[in-house]
Amino acid sequence: MLVAITTLFRYLVQALIILIEFLVIVFLGILVAIIYALPWVLRIGAIVIWFYGGYRLVIAVGEIYAPFSPEIPVMILQFFVVIVQLGAMIGLLIVNLRLSWGALYFTGGVPLWLALKGIPDAFENWQHADFIFRVLPPALWVMLLTLITIKGKRYRTVKQLGPSFGSGLPDFVDLILDKAGDVTLSFPPRSGDENDIGEEVSSNKEE
């Protein structure tokens, strides 16, 4: 009887060892699969966060301005939010193309935080939040128009002196504008300029 019990106990220990080895192999296989798929999971997460953050911020803007604004201005403001998010991501990509996935996380995470945490906390804890959000769109629009006007007039002179000398803008904004200016200079001259050049050449030949 004692021999039978010892034999059964030995078989039980062997079965437990085999089960533990099987579980270790399964765990290591799952861990390797997770490590192998982690870059793709992070990329998919960046895309999801970017779209979801923009969507939540658009919904939040609609909830803020829809009660006291017409439908069309609210839609324009929501479209402007999307343009700002897309422009921020493109600006980061122009500065450094390696920041593609980080740019998606940043330009999607900030709107998501504003929609879920920042804006609700501002309305709950600040009594003047409603007034600030009413004044914010026209104030930002005026600042944007003023910035474009000043930068457009001073762009060529500032470019000769240096990217950030006297412009008052961050370096990455100057870098974006510099590259935009290089792209603009790469276009061929207008037909009117070509006609003027052709007329000058023909007049020189006649003389």
Protein backbone atom coordinates (compact mmCIF):
# COMPACT_ATOMS: atom_id res chain seq x y z
CA MET A 1 0.00 0.00 0.00
CA LEU A 2 2.79 2.40 0.89
CA VAL A 3 4.56 1.61 -2.38
CA ALA A 4 1.40 2.43 -4.37
CA ILE A 5 1.00 5.74 -2.58
CA THR A 6 4.65 6.61 -3.21
CA THR A 7 4.28 5.76 -6.89
CA LEU A 8 1.13 7.89 -7.24
CA PHE A 9 2.83 10.78 -5.44
CA ARG A 10 5.81 10.53 -7.79
CA TYR A 11 3.50 10.56 -10.83
CA LEU A 12 1.65 13.55 -9.38
CA VAL A 13 4.90 15.48 -8.92
CA GLN A 14 5.95 14.68 -12.49
CA ALA A 15 2.56 15.84 -13.79
CA LEU A 16 2.86 19.10 -11.86
CA ILE A 17 6.37 19.65 -13.25
CA ILE A 18 5.12 19.05 -16.80
CA LEU A 19 2.21 21.44 -16.21
CA ILE A 20 4.52 24.14 -14.83
CA GLU A 21 6.86 23.75 -17.81
CA PHE A 22 3.91 24.02 -20.20
CA LEU A 23 2.64 27.17 -18.48
CA VAL A 24 6.15 28.70 -18.58
CA ILE A 25 6.42 27.97 -22.31
CA VAL A 26 2.98 29.50 -22.95
CA PHE A 27 3.85 32.59 -20.89
CA LEU A 28 7.17 33.07 -22.68
CA GLY A 29 5.48 32.65 -26.05
CA ILE A 30 2.87 35.28 -25.17
CA LEU A 31 5.62 37.61 -23.89
CA VAL A 32 7.62 37.23 -27.11
CA ALA A 33 4.51 37.86 -29.20
CA ILE A 34 3.72 41.01 -27.20
CA ILE A 35 7.28 42.31 -27.55
CA TYR A 36 7.26 41.56 -31.28
CA ALA A 37 3.87 43.24 -31.80
CA LEU A 38 4.52 46.17 -29.44
CA PRO A 39 5.77 48.62 -32.12
CA TRP A 40 2.70 47.99 -34.25
CA VAL A 41 0.43 48.26 -31.23
CA LEU A 42 1.99 51.61 -30.35
CA ARG A 43 1.54 52.85 -33.92
CA ILE A 44 -2.09 51.77 -34.00
CA GLY A 45 -2.55 53.42 -30.60
CA ALA A 46 -1.07 56.67 -31.90
CA ILE A 47 -3.50 56.73 -34.83
CA VAL A 48 -6.47 55.89 -32.58
CA ILE A 49 -5.52 58.55 -30.01
CA TRP A 50 -5.06 61.18 -32.74
CA PHE A 51 -8.49 60.59 -34.28
CA TYR A 52 -10.26 60.11 -30.95
CA GLY A 53 -8.63 63.20 -29.42
CA GLY A 54 -9.69 65.36 -32.36
CA TYR A 55 -13.20 63.90 -32.26
CA ARG A 56 -13.61 64.53 -28.54
CA LEU A 57 -12.34 68.10 -28.84
CA VAL A 58 -14.72 68.81 -31.73
CA ILE A 59 -17.61 67.45 -29.64
CA ALA A 60 -16.50 69.55 -26.66
CA VAL A 61 -16.37 72.70 -28.80
CA GLY A 62 -19.87 71.98 -30.06
CA GLU A 63 -21.15 71.51 -26.51
CA ILE A 64 -19.58 74.81 -25.40
CA TYR A 65 -20.67 77.11 -28.24
CA ALA A 66 -23.85 75.47 -29.58
CA PRO A 67 -26.20 76.86 -26.85
CA PHE A 68 -25.57 80.54 -27.75
CA SER A 69 -24.20 80.41 -31.34
CA PRO A 70 -25.73 79.64 -34.74
CA GLU A 71 -25.04 76.29 -36.32
CA ILE A 72 -22.78 77.44 -39.16
CA PRO A 73 -20.29 79.41 -36.98
CA VAL A 74 -20.06 76.43 -34.62
CA MET A 75 -19.30 74.14 -37.56
CA ILE A 76 -16.64 76.58 -38.80
CA LEU A 77 -15.08 76.67 -35.32
CA GLN A 78 -15.05 72.86 -35.16
CA PHE A 79 -13.43 72.74 -38.60
CA PHE A 80 -10.84 75.26 -37.39
CA VAL A 81 -10.02 72.97 -34.44
CA VAL A 82 -9.38 70.11 -36.87
CA ILE A 83 -7.18 72.36 -39.04
CA VAL A 84 -5.15 73.42 -36.00
CA GLN A 85 -4.63 69.81 -34.95
CA LEU A 86 -3.61 68.77 -38.45
CA GLY A 87 -1.38 71.84 -38.86
CA ALA A 88 0.41 71.13 -35.58
CA MET A 89 1.17 67.58 -36.68
CA ILE A 90 2.39 68.72 -40.13
CA GLY A 91 4.56 71.39 -38.49
CA LEU A 92 6.24 68.80 -36.27
CA LEU A 93 6.79 66.53 -39.28
CA ILE A 94 8.39 69.39 -41.23
CA VAL A 95 10.78 70.07 -38.36
CA ASN A 96 11.77 66.40 -38.06
CA LEU A 97 10.20 63.53 -39.98
CA ARG A 98 11.29 61.06 -37.30
CA LEU A 99 8.76 62.60 -34.93
CA SER A 100 5.84 61.12 -36.88
CA TRP A 101 4.45 58.78 -34.22
CA GLY A 102 5.34 61.11 -31.36
CA ALA A 103 3.58 63.92 -33.24
CA LEU A 104 0.46 61.77 -33.50
CA TYR A 105 0.56 61.05 -29.76
CA PHE A 106 1.17 64.71 -28.88
CA THR A 107 -1.38 66.29 -31.25
CA GLY A 108 -3.95 63.69 -30.25
CA GLY A 109 -3.22 63.50 -26.53
CA VAL A 110 -3.41 67.24 -25.90
CA PRO A 111 -6.91 67.61 -27.46
CA LEU A 112 -8.03 64.47 -25.66
CA TRP A 113 -6.82 65.87 -22.32
CA LEU A 114 -8.49 69.22 -23.02
CA ALA A 115 -11.79 67.57 -23.91
CA LEU A 116 -11.89 65.10 -21.01
CA LYS A 117 -10.05 66.96 -18.23
CA GLY A 118 -8.97 70.51 -18.98
CA ILE A 119 -12.20 72.13 -20.23
CA PRO A 120 -14.56 70.42 -17.72
CA ASP A 121 -12.25 71.34 -14.81
CA ALA A 122 -12.09 74.93 -16.04
CA PHE A 123 -15.90 75.23 -16.01
CA GLU A 124 -16.17 73.56 -12.61
CA ASN A 125 -13.44 75.49 -10.80
CA TRP A 126 -13.41 78.88 -12.53
CA GLN A 127 -16.38 81.19 -12.45
CA HIS A 128 -15.19 83.28 -15.44
CA ALA A 129 -14.60 80.29 -17.72
CA ASP A 130 -17.78 80.90 -19.73
CA PHE A 131 -16.75 84.48 -20.52
CA ILE A 132 -13.21 83.41 -21.45
CA PHE A 133 -14.45 80.77 -23.86
CA ARG A 134 -16.84 83.27 -25.47
CA VAL A 135 -14.02 85.77 -26.05
CA LEU A 136 -11.38 83.20 -27.01
CA PRO A 137 -12.33 82.51 -30.69
CA PRO A 138 -12.42 86.16 -31.88
CA ALA A 139 -9.29 86.96 -29.87
CA LEU A 140 -7.39 84.06 -31.43
CA TRP A 141 -8.62 85.05 -34.88
CA VAL A 142 -7.40 88.63 -34.45
CA MET A 143 -4.03 87.42 -33.14
CA LEU A 144 -3.66 85.04 -36.10
CA LEU A 145 -4.43 87.75 -38.66
CA THR A 146 -2.05 90.17 -36.96
CA LEU A 147 0.71 87.56 -36.84
CA ILE A 148 0.29 86.66 -40.51
CA THR A 149 0.34 90.34 -41.52
CA ILE A 150 3.45 91.19 -39.50
CA LYS A 151 5.29 88.03 -40.50
CA GLY A 152 4.42 88.48 -44.17
CA LYS A 153 5.85 92.02 -44.24
CA ARG A 154 9.02 91.20 -42.29
CA TYR A 155 9.71 87.74 -43.66
CA ARG A 156 12.27 88.61 -46.32
CA THR A 157 14.28 91.02 -44.17
CA VAL A 158 14.24 88.71 -41.17
CA LYS A 159 15.35 85.80 -43.34
CA GLN A 160 18.47 87.71 -44.30
CA LEU A 161 19.30 88.55 -40.68
CA GLY A 162 18.58 85.11 -39.28
CA PRO A 163 15.58 82.83 -38.70
CA SER A 164 14.64 84.20 -35.28
CA PHE A 165 16.18 87.71 -35.28
CA GLY A 166 13.41 90.19 -34.59
CA SER A 167 10.62 87.84 -35.60
CA GLY A 168 9.44 87.06 -32.08
CA LEU A 169 8.40 83.55 -33.13
CA PRO A 170 9.69 80.16 -31.96
CA ASP A 171 12.46 78.58 -33.98
CA PHE A 172 10.32 75.76 -35.32
CA VAL A 173 7.78 78.26 -36.73
CA ASP A 174 10.57 80.10 -38.52
CA LEU A 175 11.84 76.78 -39.87
CA ILE A 176 8.39 75.94 -41.24
CA LEU A 177 8.07 79.38 -42.87
CA ASP A 178 11.57 79.10 -44.33
CA LYS A 179 10.74 75.79 -45.96
CA ALA A 180 7.43 77.19 -47.20
CA GLY A 181 9.31 80.11 -48.73
CA ASP A 182 11.75 77.74 -50.46
CA VAL A 183 8.83 75.82 -51.92
CA THR A 184 7.28 79.08 -53.16
CA LEU A 185 10.53 80.17 -54.81
CA SER A 186 10.71 76.85 -56.68
CA PHE A 187 7.63 77.70 -58.78
CA PRO A 188 8.24 79.14 -62.28
CA PRO A 189 7.68 82.87 -62.91
CA ARG A 190 4.34 84.17 -64.04
CA SER A 191 3.43 84.46 -67.69
CA GLY A 192 3.45 88.26 -67.45
CA ASP A 193 7.07 88.24 -66.32
CA GLU A 194 7.97 85.91 -69.16
CA ASN A 195 6.28 88.22 -71.66
CA ASP A 196 8.22 91.18 -70.28
CA ILE A 197 11.49 89.28 -70.60
CA GLY A 198 10.59 88.23 -74.16
CA GLU A 199 9.78 91.81 -75.11
CA GLU A 200 13.12 93.03 -73.71
CA VAL A 201 15.04 90.37 -75.66
CA SER A 202 13.22 91.22 -78.89
CA SER A 203 13.86 94.96 -78.45
CA ASN A 204 17.57 94.28 -77.86
CA LYS A 205 17.73 92.24 -81.06
CA GLU A 206 16.02 95.02 -83.07
CA GLU A 207 18.57 97.56 -81.76
